[in-house]
Amino acid sequence: MAWVRFPDGTRKKVERVEKADAQRDLDELTSLRALGTAPSAKNLRQATFDEIIDEWFAAGCPNVLPTKASRHARVKSPNTVANARQLLGTSVRPVIGKQWIDRTTTERLDPPQRSRGMRR
């Protein structure tokens, strides 16, 4: 494990299991530091659920990718898109819209199960 500090005050951590992988990543970071450039920020590479949903709507809500049999993606009807927009806007986006996709686990998405049959 090693930390590389950059001139702008940021620092990046290198932690790998294999020594060769760690040395390669450390060399890459030190060469970036020598050039005076900082590595890209993590937040710039990540996407939120809101961003992915917006991209899906912009693409016309396709439900499959083009295949060898059909070179066109199937696009949903306007009524289906309106339904999806309403349901996602009222149910999904308020709950998980701001979460980063690559930092979200299944446990964070599954609500706690209430026990059935027991009333308080």
PDB file of N, CA and C in Angstrom:
ATOM      1  N   MET A   1       0.841  -1.163   0.000  1.00  0.00           N
ATOM      2  CA  MET A   1       0.000   0.000   0.000  1.00  0.00           C
ATOM      3  C   MET A   1       0.890   1.230   0.000  1.00  0.00           C
ATOM      4  N   ALA A   2       0.506   2.219  -0.809  1.00  0.00           N
ATOM      5  CA  ALA A   2       1.269   3.458  -0.863  1.00  0.00           C
ATOM      6  C   ALA A   2       0.328   4.599  -1.234  1.00  0.00           C
ATOM      7  N   TRP A   3       0.702   5.802  -0.801  1.00  0.00           N
ATOM      8  CA  TRP A   3      -0.037   7.011  -1.134  1.00  0.00           C
ATOM      9  C   TRP A   3       0.859   7.892  -1.993  1.00  0.00           C
ATOM     10  N   VAL A   4       0.265   8.526  -3.015  1.00  0.00           N
ATOM     11  CA  VAL A   4       1.000   9.475  -3.845  1.00  0.00           C
ATOM     12  C   VAL A   4       0.300  10.818  -3.705  1.00  0.00           C
ATOM     13  N   ARG A   5       1.054  11.823  -3.242  1.00  0.00           N
ATOM     14  CA  ARG A   5       0.488  13.165  -3.070  1.00  0.00           C
ATOM     15  C   ARG A   5       0.813  14.007  -4.305  1.00  0.00           C
ATOM     16  N   PHE A   6      -0.195  14.746  -4.793  1.00  0.00           N
ATOM     17  CA  PHE A   6      -0.052  15.579  -5.975  1.00  0.00           C
ATOM     18  C   PHE A   6       0.081  17.042  -5.579  1.00  0.00           C
ATOM     19  N   PRO A   7       0.621  17.881  -6.474  1.00  0.00           N
ATOM     20  CA  PRO A   7       0.843  19.286  -6.142  1.00  0.00           C
ATOM     21  C   PRO A   7      -0.414  20.049  -5.730  1.00  0.00           C
ATOM     22  N   ASP A   8      -1.584  19.634  -6.217  1.00  0.00           N
ATOM     23  CA  ASP A   8      -2.819  20.346  -5.856  1.00  0.00           C
ATOM     24  C   ASP A   8      -3.356  19.926  -4.491  1.00  0.00           C
ATOM     25  N   GLY A   9      -2.641  19.046  -3.800  1.00  0.00           N
ATOM     26  CA  GLY A   9      -3.040  18.626  -2.458  1.00  0.00           C
ATOM     27  C   GLY A   9      -3.803  17.320  -2.415  1.00  0.00           C
ATOM     28  N   THR A  10      -4.251  16.826  -3.551  1.00  0.00           N
ATOM     29  CA  THR A  10      -4.957  15.553  -3.562  1.00  0.00           C
ATOM     30  C   THR A  10      -3.957  14.419  -3.423  1.00  0.00           C
ATOM     31  N   ARG A  11      -4.457  13.278  -3.022  1.00  0.00           N
ATOM     32  CA  ARG A  11      -3.602  12.107  -2.934  1.00  0.00           C
ATOM     33  C   ARG A  11      -4.378  10.892  -3.388  1.00  0.00           C
ATOM     34  N   LYS A  12      -3.665   9.948  -3.944  1.00  0.00           N
ATOM     35  CA  LYS A  12      -4.249   8.708  -4.433  1.00  0.00           C
ATOM     36  C   LYS A  12      -3.574   7.538  -3.748  1.00  0.00           C
ATOM     37  N   LYS A  13      -4.377   6.538  -3.463  1.00  0.00           N
ATOM     38  CA  LYS A  13      -3.888   5.356  -2.763  1.00  0.00           C
ATOM     39  C   LYS A  13      -3.700   4.216  -3.756  1.00  0.00           C
ATOM     40  N   VAL A  14      -2.598   3.514  -3.627  1.00  0.00           N
ATOM     41  CA  VAL A  14      -2.331   2.314  -4.416  1.00  0.00           C
ATOM     42  C   VAL A  14      -2.291   1.155  -3.449  1.00  0.00           C
ATOM     43  N   GLU A  15      -3.218   0.227  -3.615  1.00  0.00           N
ATOM     44  CA  GLU A  15      -3.272  -0.947  -2.738  1.00  0.00           C
ATOM     45  C   GLU A  15      -3.654  -2.142  -3.601  1.00  0.00           C
ATOM     46  N   ARG A  16      -2.731  -3.042  -3.805  1.00  0.00           N
ATOM     47  CA  ARG A  16      -2.960  -4.204  -4.645  1.00  0.00           C
ATOM     48  C   ARG A  16      -2.455  -5.451  -3.933  1.00  0.00           C
ATOM     49  N   VAL A  17      -2.961  -6.589  -4.337  1.00  0.00           N
ATOM     50  CA  VAL A  17      -2.535  -7.863  -3.758  1.00  0.00           C
ATOM     51  C   VAL A  17      -1.184  -8.266  -4.329  1.00  0.00           C
ATOM     52  N   GLU A  18      -1.066  -8.177  -5.632  1.00  0.00           N
ATOM     53  CA  GLU A  18       0.176  -8.581  -6.301  1.00  0.00           C
ATOM     54  C   GLU A  18       1.162  -7.425  -6.341  1.00  0.00           C
ATOM     55  N   LYS A  19       2.413  -7.707  -6.033  1.00  0.00           N
ATOM     56  CA  LYS A  19       3.438  -6.667  -5.988  1.00  0.00           C
ATOM     57  C   LYS A  19       3.650  -6.034  -7.362  1.00  0.00           C
ATOM     58  N   ALA A  20       3.611  -6.819  -8.419  1.00  0.00           N
ATOM     59  CA  ALA A  20       3.831  -6.289  -9.771  1.00  0.00           C
ATOM     60  C   ALA A  20       2.725  -5.305 -10.151  1.00  0.00           C
ATOM     61  N   ASP A  21       1.466  -5.622  -9.795  1.00  0.00           N
ATOM     62  CA  ASP A  21       0.354  -4.720 -10.072  1.00  0.00           C
ATOM     63  C   ASP A  21       0.505  -3.416  -9.300  1.00  0.00           C
ATOM     64  N   ALA A  22       0.905  -3.527  -8.053  1.00  0.00           N
ATOM     65  CA  ALA A  22       1.090  -2.345  -7.216  1.00  0.00           C
ATOM     66  C   ALA A  22       2.205  -1.463  -7.771  1.00  0.00           C
ATOM     67  N   GLN A  23       3.291  -2.062  -8.179  1.00  0.00           N
ATOM     68  CA  GLN A  23       4.418  -1.294  -8.718  1.00  0.00           C
ATOM     69  C   GLN A  23       4.029  -0.605 -10.017  1.00  0.00           C
ATOM     70  N   ARG A  24       3.270  -1.292 -10.878  1.00  0.00           N
ATOM     71  CA  ARG A  24       2.836  -0.697 -12.141  1.00  0.00           C
ATOM     72  C   ARG A  24       1.949   0.527 -11.879  1.00  0.00           C
ATOM     73  N   ASP A  25       0.973   0.386 -10.975  1.00  0.00           N
ATOM     74  CA  ASP A  25       0.072   1.490 -10.676  1.00  0.00           C
ATOM     75  C   ASP A  25       0.795   2.633  -9.974  1.00  0.00           C
ATOM     76  N   LEU A  26       1.740   2.301  -9.105  1.00  0.00           N
ATOM     77  CA  LEU A  26       2.522   3.321  -8.419  1.00  0.00           C
ATOM     78  C   LEU A  26       3.390   4.096  -9.409  1.00  0.00           C
ATOM     79  N   ASP A  27       4.013   3.380 -10.337  1.00  0.00           N
ATOM     80  CA  ASP A  27       4.834   4.036 -11.368  1.00  0.00           C
ATOM     81  C   ASP A  27       3.982   4.969 -12.223  1.00  0.00           C
ATOM     82  N   GLU A  28       2.767   4.540 -12.543  1.00  0.00           N
ATOM     83  CA  GLU A  28       1.867   5.365 -13.350  1.00  0.00           C
ATOM     84  C   GLU A  28       1.508   6.662 -12.622  1.00  0.00           C
ATOM     85  N   LEU A  29       1.195   6.555 -11.334  1.00  0.00           N
ATOM     86  CA  LEU A  29       0.843   7.741 -10.556  1.00  0.00           C
ATOM     87  C   LEU A  29       2.037   8.676 -10.362  1.00  0.00           C
ATOM     88  N   THR A  30       3.220   8.118 -10.113  1.00  0.00           N
ATOM     89  CA  THR A  30       4.390   8.976  -9.932  1.00  0.00           C
ATOM     90  C   THR A  30       4.771   9.668 -11.236  1.00  0.00           C
ATOM     91  N   SER A  31       4.566   9.014 -12.375  1.00  0.00           N
ATOM     92  CA  SER A  31       4.844   9.682 -13.648  1.00  0.00           C
ATOM     93  C   SER A  31       3.839  10.811 -13.899  1.00  0.00           C
ATOM     94  N   LEU A  32       2.584  10.618 -13.511  1.00  0.00           N
ATOM     95  CA  LEU A  32       1.606  11.702 -13.619  1.00  0.00           C
ATOM     96  C   LEU A  32       2.004  12.878 -12.733  1.00  0.00           C
ATOM     97  N   ARG A  33       2.471  12.573 -11.526  1.00  0.00           N
ATOM     98  CA  ARG A  33       2.900  13.628 -10.611  1.00  0.00           C
ATOM     99  C   ARG A  33       4.106  14.370 -11.180  1.00  0.00           C
ATOM    100  N   ALA A  34       5.029  13.652 -11.796  1.00  0.00           N
ATOM    101  CA  ALA A  34       6.220  14.281 -12.374  1.00  0.00           C
ATOM    102  C   ALA A  34       5.843  15.205 -13.528  1.00  0.00           C
ATOM    103  N   LEU A  35       4.816  14.841 -14.267  1.00  0.00           N
ATOM    104  CA  LEU A  35       4.363  15.687 -15.371  1.00  0.00           C
ATOM    105  C   LEU A  35       3.548  16.883 -14.884  1.00  0.00           C
ATOM    106  N   GLY A  36       3.156  16.848 -13.633  1.00  0.00           N
ATOM    107  CA  GLY A  36       2.382  17.955 -13.076  1.00  0.00           C
ATOM    108  C   GLY A  36       0.892  17.836 -13.332  1.00  0.00           C
ATOM    109  N   THR A  37       0.442  16.682 -13.791  1.00  0.00           N
ATOM    110  CA  THR A  37      -0.988  16.477 -14.014  1.00  0.00           C
ATOM    111  C   THR A  37      -1.553  15.606 -12.908  1.00  0.00           C
ATOM    112  N   ALA A  38      -2.785  15.880 -12.568  1.00  0.00           N
ATOM    113  CA  ALA A  38      -3.450  15.100 -11.530  1.00  0.00           C
ATOM    114  C   ALA A  38      -4.288  14.009 -12.187  1.00  0.00           C
ATOM    115  N   PRO A  39      -4.459  12.881 -11.532  1.00  0.00           N
ATOM    116  CA  PRO A  39      -5.328  11.834 -12.081  1.00  0.00           C
ATOM    117  C   PRO A  39      -6.771  12.307 -12.089  1.00  0.00           C
ATOM    118  N   SER A  40      -7.576  11.704 -12.939  1.00  0.00           N
ATOM    119  CA  SER A  40      -8.974  12.110 -13.029  1.00  0.00           C
ATOM    120  C   SER A  40      -9.694  11.803 -11.728  1.00  0.00           C
ATOM    121  N   ALA A  41     -10.614  12.663 -11.382  1.00  0.00           N
ATOM    122  CA  ALA A  41     -11.368  12.485 -10.146  1.00  0.00           C
ATOM    123  C   ALA A  41     -12.358  11.351 -10.306  1.00  0.00           C
ATOM    124  N   LYS A  42     -12.638  10.636  -9.213  1.00  0.00           N
ATOM    125  CA  LYS A  42     -13.574   9.515  -9.267  1.00  0.00           C
ATOM    126  C   LYS A  42     -14.969   9.976  -9.646  1.00  0.00           C
ATOM    127  N   ASN A  43     -15.373  11.126  -9.129  1.00  0.00           N
ATOM    128  CA  ASN A  43     -16.741  11.589  -9.364  1.00  0.00           C
ATOM    129  C   ASN A  43     -17.012  11.850 -10.839  1.00  0.00           C
ATOM    130  N   LEU A  44     -15.978  12.133 -11.618  1.00  0.00           N
ATOM    131  CA  LEU A  44     -16.192  12.391 -13.027  1.00  0.00           C
ATOM    132  C   LEU A  44     -16.471  11.108 -13.803  1.00  0.00           C
ATOM    133  N   ARG A  45     -16.054   9.984 -13.278  1.00  0.00           N
ATOM    134  CA  ARG A  45     -16.234   8.726 -13.985  1.00  0.00           C
ATOM    135  C   ARG A  45     -17.510   8.004 -13.571  1.00  0.00           C
ATOM    136  N   GLN A  46     -18.112   8.408 -12.491  1.00  0.00           N
ATOM    137  CA  GLN A  46     -19.264   7.686 -11.977  1.00  0.00           C
ATOM    138  C   GLN A  46     -20.554   8.282 -12.512  1.00  0.00           C
ATOM    139  N   ALA A  47     -21.597   7.496 -12.478  1.00  0.00           N
ATOM    140  CA  ALA A  47     -22.921   7.948 -12.906  1.00  0.00           C
ATOM    141  C   ALA A  47     -23.920   7.631 -11.800  1.00  0.00           C
ATOM    142  N   THR A  48     -24.934   8.452 -11.718  1.00  0.00           N
ATOM    143  CA  THR A  48     -26.003   8.200 -10.757  1.00  0.00           C
ATOM    144  C   THR A  48     -27.144   7.496 -11.481  1.00  0.00           C
ATOM    145  N   PHE A  49     -28.072   6.946 -10.702  1.00  0.00           N
ATOM    146  CA  PHE A  49     -29.228   6.302 -11.299  1.00  0.00           C
ATOM    147  C   PHE A  49     -30.045   7.306 -12.105  1.00  0.00           C
ATOM    148  N   ASP A  50     -30.143   8.555 -11.634  1.00  0.00           N
ATOM    149  CA  ASP A  50     -30.867   9.590 -12.376  1.00  0.00           C
ATOM    150  C   ASP A  50     -30.269   9.796 -13.764  1.00  0.00           C
ATOM    151  N   GLU A  51     -28.937   9.849 -13.861  1.00  0.00           N
ATOM    152  CA  GLU A  51     -28.287  10.056 -15.154  1.00  0.00           C
ATOM    153  C   GLU A  51     -28.543   8.895 -16.107  1.00  0.00           C
ATOM    154  N   ILE A  52     -28.492   7.687 -15.590  1.00  0.00           N
ATOM    155  CA  ILE A  52     -28.727   6.512 -16.431  1.00  0.00           C
ATOM    156  C   ILE A  52     -30.180   6.466 -16.908  1.00  0.00           C
ATOM    157  N   ILE A  53     -31.114   6.800 -16.031  1.00  0.00           N
ATOM    158  CA  ILE A  53     -32.530   6.821 -16.416  1.00  0.00           C
ATOM    159  C   ILE A  53     -32.762   7.877 -17.485  1.00  0.00           C
ATOM    160  N   ASP A  54     -32.141   9.062 -17.332  1.00  0.00           N
ATOM    161  CA  ASP A  54     -32.283  10.119 -18.338  1.00  0.00           C
ATOM    162  C   ASP A  54     -31.737   9.679 -19.691  1.00  0.00           C
ATOM    163  N   GLU A  55     -30.586   8.996 -19.701  1.00  0.00           N
ATOM    164  CA  GLU A  55     -30.008   8.494 -20.955  1.00  0.00           C
ATOM    165  C   GLU A  55     -30.916   7.452 -21.599  1.00  0.00           C
ATOM    166  N   TRP A  56     -31.536   6.624 -20.779  1.00  0.00           N
ATOM    167  CA  TRP A  56     -32.442   5.596 -21.300  1.00  0.00           C
ATOM    168  C   TRP A  56     -33.659   6.250 -21.960  1.00  0.00           C
ATOM    169  N   PHE A  57     -34.206   7.282 -21.310  1.00  0.00           N
ATOM    170  CA  PHE A  57     -35.332   8.002 -21.914  1.00  0.00           C
ATOM    171  C   PHE A  57     -34.900   8.706 -23.197  1.00  0.00           C
ATOM    172  N   ALA A  58     -33.705   9.290 -23.217  1.00  0.00           N
ATOM    173  CA  ALA A  58     -33.209   9.976 -24.412  1.00  0.00           C
ATOM    174  C   ALA A  58     -33.036   9.015 -25.588  1.00  0.00           C
ATOM    175  N   ALA A  59     -32.732   7.761 -25.284  1.00  0.00           N
ATOM    176  CA  ALA A  59     -32.562   6.750 -26.335  1.00  0.00           C
ATOM    177  C   ALA A  59     -33.899   6.179 -26.797  1.00  0.00           C
ATOM    178  N   GLY A  60     -35.000   6.627 -26.207  1.00  0.00           N
ATOM    179  CA  GLY A  60     -36.310   6.122 -26.610  1.00  0.00           C
ATOM    180  C   GLY A  60     -36.735   4.884 -25.856  1.00  0.00           C
ATOM    181  N   CYS A  61     -36.113   4.605 -24.742  1.00  0.00           N
ATOM    182  CA  CYS A  61     -36.448   3.458 -23.894  1.00  0.00           C
ATOM    183  C   CYS A  61     -36.366   2.124 -24.638  1.00  0.00           C
ATOM    184  N   PRO A  62     -35.262   1.860 -25.319  1.00  0.00           N
ATOM    185  CA  PRO A  62     -35.175   0.581 -26.037  1.00  0.00           C
ATOM    186  C   PRO A  62     -35.137  -0.581 -25.062  1.00  0.00           C
ATOM    187  N   ASN A  63     -35.801  -1.684 -25.434  1.00  0.00           N
ATOM    188  CA  ASN A  63     -35.801  -2.833 -24.541  1.00  0.00           C
ATOM    189  C   ASN A  63     -34.821  -3.903 -24.975  1.00  0.00           C
ATOM    190  N   VAL A  64     -34.269  -3.817 -26.179  1.00  0.00           N
ATOM    191  CA  VAL A  64     -33.214  -4.740 -26.603  1.00  0.00           C
ATOM    192  C   VAL A  64     -32.245  -3.994 -27.516  1.00  0.00           C
ATOM    193  N   LEU A  65     -31.039  -4.501 -27.602  1.00  0.00           N
ATOM    194  CA  LEU A  65     -30.047  -3.942 -28.501  1.00  0.00           C
ATOM    195  C   LEU A  65     -30.216  -4.536 -29.888  1.00  0.00           C
ATOM    196  N   PRO A  66     -29.690  -3.888 -30.917  1.00  0.00           N
ATOM    197  CA  PRO A  66     -29.739  -4.481 -32.250  1.00  0.00           C
ATOM    198  C   PRO A  66     -29.046  -5.843 -32.264  1.00  0.00           C
ATOM    199  N   THR A  67     -29.581  -6.768 -33.045  1.00  0.00           N
ATOM    200  CA  THR A  67     -29.013  -8.111 -33.144  1.00  0.00           C
ATOM    201  C   THR A  67     -28.684  -8.420 -34.594  1.00  0.00           C
ATOM    202  N   LYS A  68     -28.204  -9.631 -34.845  1.00  0.00           N
ATOM    203  CA  LYS A  68     -27.930 -10.037 -36.224  1.00  0.00           C
ATOM    204  C   LYS A  68     -29.218 -10.130 -37.029  1.00  0.00           C
ATOM    205  N   ALA A  69     -30.304 -10.549 -36.391  1.00  0.00           N
ATOM    206  CA  ALA A  69     -31.581 -10.697 -37.087  1.00  0.00           C
ATOM    207  C   ALA A  69     -32.229  -9.341 -37.362  1.00  0.00           C
ATOM    208  N   SER A  70     -32.080  -8.411 -36.438  1.00  0.00           N
ATOM    209  CA  SER A  70     -32.680  -7.093 -36.604  1.00  0.00           C
ATOM    210  C   SER A  70     -31.635  -6.041 -36.261  1.00  0.00           C
ATOM    211  N   ARG A  71     -31.375  -5.152 -37.187  1.00  0.00           N
ATOM    212  CA  ARG A  71     -30.344  -4.147 -36.936  1.00  0.00           C
ATOM    213  C   ARG A  71     -30.880  -2.932 -36.203  1.00  0.00           C
ATOM    214  N   HIS A  72     -32.161  -2.953 -35.864  1.00  0.00           N
ATOM    215  CA  HIS A  72     -32.775  -1.832 -35.157  1.00  0.00           C
ATOM    216  C   HIS A  72     -33.167  -2.249 -33.746  1.00  0.00           C
ATOM    217  N   ALA A  73     -32.949  -1.360 -32.809  1.00  0.00           N
ATOM    218  CA  ALA A  73     -33.416  -1.600 -31.454  1.00  0.00           C
ATOM    219  C   ALA A  73     -34.920  -1.371 -31.417  1.00  0.00           C
ATOM    220  N   ARG A  74     -35.612  -2.142 -30.638  1.00  0.00           N
ATOM    221  CA  ARG A  74     -37.053  -1.967 -30.509  1.00  0.00           C
ATOM    222  C   ARG A  74     -37.332  -0.821 -29.557  1.00  0.00           C
ATOM    223  N   VAL A  75     -38.154   0.105 -29.992  1.00  0.00           N
ATOM    224  CA  VAL A  75     -38.473   1.275 -29.189  1.00  0.00           C
ATOM    225  C   VAL A  75     -39.890   1.124 -28.653  1.00  0.00           C
ATOM    226  N   LYS A  76     -40.097   1.550 -27.429  1.00  0.00           N
ATOM    227  CA  LYS A  76     -41.406   1.429 -26.789  1.00  0.00           C
ATOM    228  C   LYS A  76     -42.375   2.475 -27.327  1.00  0.00           C
ATOM    229  N   SER A  77     -43.661   2.203 -27.175  1.00  0.00           N
ATOM    230  CA  SER A  77     -44.696   3.128 -27.631  1.00  0.00           C
ATOM    231  C   SER A  77     -44.702   4.376 -26.740  1.00  0.00           C
ATOM    232  N   PRO A  78     -45.245   5.502 -27.220  1.00  0.00           N
ATOM    233  CA  PRO A  78     -45.297   6.724 -26.409  1.00  0.00           C
ATOM    234  C   PRO A  78     -46.052   6.541 -25.089  1.00  0.00           C
ATOM    235  N   ASN A  79     -47.121   5.724 -25.092  1.00  0.00           N
ATOM    236  CA  ASN A  79     -47.859   5.484 -23.852  1.00  0.00           C
ATOM    237  C   ASN A  79     -47.006   4.721 -22.831  1.00  0.00           C
ATOM    238  N   THR A  80     -46.240   3.756 -23.308  1.00  0.00           N
ATOM    239  CA  THR A  80     -45.372   2.993 -22.422  1.00  0.00           C
ATOM    240  C   THR A  80     -44.268   3.883 -21.848  1.00  0.00           C
ATOM    241  N   VAL A  81     -43.729   4.764 -22.685  1.00  0.00           N
ATOM    242  CA  VAL A  81     -42.693   5.691 -22.219  1.00  0.00           C
ATOM    243  C   VAL A  81     -43.264   6.632 -21.166  1.00  0.00           C
ATOM    244  N   ALA A  82     -44.466   7.134 -21.396  1.00  0.00           N
ATOM    245  CA  ALA A  82     -45.107   8.021 -20.419  1.00  0.00           C
ATOM    246  C   ALA A  82     -45.362   7.294 -19.103  1.00  0.00           C
ATOM    247  N   ASN A  83     -45.807   6.052 -19.196  1.00  0.00           N
ATOM    248  CA  ASN A  83     -46.020   5.230 -17.994  1.00  0.00           C
ATOM    249  C   ASN A  83     -44.717   5.029 -17.223  1.00  0.00           C
ATOM    250  N   ALA A  84     -43.664   4.669 -17.948  1.00  0.00           N
ATOM    251  CA  ALA A  84     -42.359   4.440 -17.314  1.00  0.00           C
ATOM    252  C   ALA A  84     -41.845   5.720 -16.676  1.00  0.00           C
ATOM    253  N   ARG A  85     -42.010   6.838 -17.366  1.00  0.00           N
ATOM    254  CA  ARG A  85     -41.547   8.124 -16.832  1.00  0.00           C
ATOM    255  C   ARG A  85     -42.265   8.464 -15.524  1.00  0.00           C
ATOM    256  N   GLN A  86     -43.566   8.203 -15.489  1.00  0.00           N
ATOM    257  CA  GLN A  86     -44.350   8.502 -14.293  1.00  0.00           C
ATOM    258  C   GLN A  86     -43.967   7.569 -13.145  1.00  0.00           C
ATOM    259  N   LEU A  87     -43.868   6.275 -13.430  1.00  0.00           N
ATOM    260  CA  LEU A  87     -43.537   5.314 -12.382  1.00  0.00           C
ATOM    261  C   LEU A  87     -42.122   5.513 -11.831  1.00  0.00           C
ATOM    262  N   LEU A  88     -41.156   5.708 -12.725  1.00  0.00           N
ATOM    263  CA  LEU A  88     -39.784   5.928 -12.276  1.00  0.00           C
ATOM    264  C   LEU A  88     -39.652   7.254 -11.530  1.00  0.00           C
ATOM    265  N   GLY A  89     -40.395   8.263 -11.982  1.00  0.00           N
ATOM    266  CA  GLY A  89     -40.324   9.570 -11.347  1.00  0.00           C
ATOM    267  C   GLY A  89     -40.915   9.606  -9.958  1.00  0.00           C
ATOM    268  N   THR A  90     -41.930   8.790  -9.702  1.00  0.00           N
ATOM    269  CA  THR A  90     -42.569   8.825  -8.390  1.00  0.00           C
ATOM    270  C   THR A  90     -42.071   7.739  -7.440  1.00  0.00           C
ATOM    271  N   SER A  91     -41.570   6.631  -7.981  1.00  0.00           N
ATOM    272  CA  SER A  91     -41.185   5.514  -7.112  1.00  0.00           C
ATOM    273  C   SER A  91     -39.683   5.302  -6.997  1.00  0.00           C
ATOM    274  N   VAL A  92     -38.971   5.351  -8.099  1.00  0.00           N
ATOM    275  CA  VAL A  92     -37.560   4.974  -8.100  1.00  0.00           C
ATOM    276  C   VAL A  92     -36.645   6.169  -7.841  1.00  0.00           C
ATOM    277  N   ARG A  93     -36.832   7.234  -8.596  1.00  0.00           N
ATOM    278  CA  ARG A  93     -35.931   8.385  -8.489  1.00  0.00           C
ATOM    279  C   ARG A  93     -35.862   8.998  -7.096  1.00  0.00           C
ATOM    280  N   PRO A  94     -36.979   9.182  -6.390  1.00  0.00           N
ATOM    281  CA  PRO A  94     -36.852   9.770  -5.055  1.00  0.00           C
ATOM    282  C   PRO A  94     -36.061   8.893  -4.078  1.00  0.00           C
ATOM    283  N   VAL A  95     -36.073   7.587  -4.299  1.00  0.00           N
ATOM    284  CA  VAL A  95     -35.419   6.667  -3.363  1.00  0.00           C
ATOM    285  C   VAL A  95     -33.950   6.458  -3.703  1.00  0.00           C
ATOM    286  N   ILE A  96     -33.626   6.183  -4.971  1.00  0.00           N
ATOM    287  CA  ILE A  96     -32.242   5.836  -5.318  1.00  0.00           C
ATOM    288  C   ILE A  96     -31.652   6.717  -6.410  1.00  0.00           C
ATOM    289  N   GLY A  97     -32.335   7.732  -6.845  1.00  0.00           N
ATOM    290  CA  GLY A  97     -31.873   8.542  -7.969  1.00  0.00           C
ATOM    291  C   GLY A  97     -30.516   9.184  -7.782  1.00  0.00           C
ATOM    292  N   LYS A  98     -30.205   9.642  -6.594  1.00  0.00           N
ATOM    293  CA  LYS A  98     -28.944  10.353  -6.346  1.00  0.00           C
ATOM    294  C   LYS A  98     -27.782   9.422  -6.017  1.00  0.00           C
ATOM    295  N   GLN A  99     -28.033   8.136  -5.869  1.00  0.00           N
ATOM    296  CA  GLN A  99     -26.968   7.191  -5.505  1.00  0.00           C
ATOM    297  C   GLN A  99     -26.088   6.895  -6.707  1.00  0.00           C
ATOM    298  N   TRP A 100     -24.784   6.738  -6.432  1.00  0.00           N
ATOM    299  CA  TRP A 100     -23.838   6.341  -7.473  1.00  0.00           C
ATOM    300  C   TRP A 100     -24.060   4.864  -7.798  1.00  0.00           C
ATOM    301  N   ILE A 101     -24.072   4.541  -9.063  1.00  0.00           N
ATOM    302  CA  ILE A 101     -24.334   3.164  -9.473  1.00  0.00           C
ATOM    303  C   ILE A 101     -23.231   2.225  -9.011  1.00  0.00           C
ATOM    304  N   ASP A 102     -21.979   2.617  -9.172  1.00  0.00           N
ATOM    305  CA  ASP A 102     -20.891   1.702  -8.826  1.00  0.00           C
ATOM    306  C   ASP A 102     -20.643   1.606  -7.329  1.00  0.00           C
ATOM    307  N   ARG A 103     -21.278   2.441  -6.523  1.00  0.00           N
ATOM    308  CA  ARG A 103     -21.119   2.362  -5.070  1.00  0.00           C
ATOM    309  C   ARG A 103     -22.349   1.784  -4.380  1.00  0.00           C
ATOM    310  N   THR A 104     -23.331   1.362  -5.143  1.00  0.00           N
ATOM    311  CA  THR A 104     -24.579   0.870  -4.576  1.00  0.00           C
ATOM    312  C   THR A 104     -24.579  -0.656  -4.568  1.00  0.00           C
ATOM    313  N   THR A 105     -24.901  -1.229  -3.427  1.00  0.00           N
ATOM    314  CA  THR A 105     -24.976  -2.675  -3.296  1.00  0.00           C
ATOM    315  C   THR A 105     -26.438  -3.110  -3.290  1.00  0.00           C
ATOM    316  N   THR A 106     -26.660  -4.378  -3.466  1.00  0.00           N
ATOM    317  CA  THR A 106     -28.013  -4.926  -3.439  1.00  0.00           C
ATOM    318  C   THR A 106     -28.674  -4.678  -2.098  1.00  0.00           C
ATOM    319  N   GLU A 107     -27.895  -4.768  -1.032  1.00  0.00           N
ATOM    320  CA  GLU A 107     -28.456  -4.552   0.301  1.00  0.00           C
ATOM    321  C   GLU A 107     -29.008  -3.135   0.460  1.00  0.00           C
ATOM    322  N   ARG A 108     -28.368  -2.165  -0.194  1.00  0.00           N
ATOM    323  CA  ARG A 108     -28.852  -0.787  -0.110  1.00  0.00           C
ATOM    324  C   ARG A 108     -30.136  -0.590  -0.902  1.00  0.00           C
ATOM    325  N   LEU A 109     -30.346  -1.413  -1.922  1.00  0.00           N
ATOM    326  CA  LEU A 109     -31.537  -1.266  -2.764  1.00  0.00           C
ATOM    327  C   LEU A 109     -32.738  -2.021  -2.225  1.00  0.00           C
ATOM    328  N   ASP A 110     -32.506  -3.139  -1.544  1.00  0.00           N
ATOM    329  CA  ASP A 110     -33.609  -3.929  -1.006  1.00  0.00           C
ATOM    330  C   ASP A 110     -34.128  -3.310   0.285  1.00  0.00           C
ATOM    331  N   PRO A 111     -35.413  -2.969   0.323  1.00  0.00           N
ATOM    332  CA  PRO A 111     -35.954  -2.434   1.580  1.00  0.00           C
ATOM    333  C   PRO A 111     -36.063  -3.559   2.605  1.00  0.00           C
ATOM    334  N   PRO A 112     -36.012  -3.228   3.890  1.00  0.00           N
ATOM    335  CA  PRO A 112     -36.166  -4.281   4.908  1.00  0.00           C
ATOM    336  C   PRO A 112     -37.542  -4.919   4.793  1.00  0.00           C
ATOM    337  N   GLN A 113     -37.587  -6.221   4.908  1.00  0.00           N
ATOM    338  CA  GLN A 113     -38.843  -6.951   4.778  1.00  0.00           C
ATOM    339  C   GLN A 113     -39.627  -6.876   6.081  1.00  0.00           C
ATOM    340  N   ARG A 114     -40.880  -6.547   5.965  1.00  0.00           N
ATOM    341  CA  ARG A 114     -41.746  -6.547   7.141  1.00  0.00           C
ATOM    342  C   ARG A 114     -42.264  -7.959   7.361  1.00  0.00           C
ATOM    343  N   SER A 115     -42.388  -8.319   8.596  1.00  0.00           N
ATOM    344  CA  SER A 115     -42.915  -9.656   8.874  1.00  0.00           C
ATOM    345  C   SER A 115     -44.420  -9.634   8.646  1.00  0.00           C
ATOM    346  N   ARG A 116     -44.890 -10.634   7.928  1.00  0.00           N
ATOM    347  CA  ARG A 116     -46.315 -10.706   7.603  1.00  0.00           C
ATOM    348  C   ARG A 116     -47.089 -11.369   8.734  1.00  0.00           C
ATOM    349  N   GLY A 117     -48.288 -10.927   8.902  1.00  0.00           N
ATOM    350  CA  GLY A 117     -49.154 -11.548   9.893  1.00  0.00           C
ATOM    351  C   GLY A 117     -49.046 -10.908  11.267  1.00  0.00           C
ATOM    352  N   MET A 118     -48.036 -10.152  11.506  1.00  0.00           N
ATOM    353  CA  MET A 118     -47.897  -9.515  12.818  1.00  0.00           C
ATOM    354  C   MET A 118     -48.277  -8.043  12.701  1.00  0.00           C
ATOM    355  N   ARG A 119     -49.238  -7.632  13.470  1.00  0.00           N
ATOM    356  CA  ARG A 119     -49.655  -6.237  13.463  1.00  0.00           C
ATOM    357  C   ARG A 119     -49.324  -5.614  14.804  1.00  0.00           C
ATOM    358  N   ARG A 120     -48.995  -4.391  14.751  1.00  0.00           N
ATOM    359  CA  ARG A 120     -48.690  -3.678  16.001  1.00  0.00           C
ATOM    360  C   ARG A 120     -49.738  -2.674  16.294  1.00  0.00           C
TER     361      ARG A 120
END
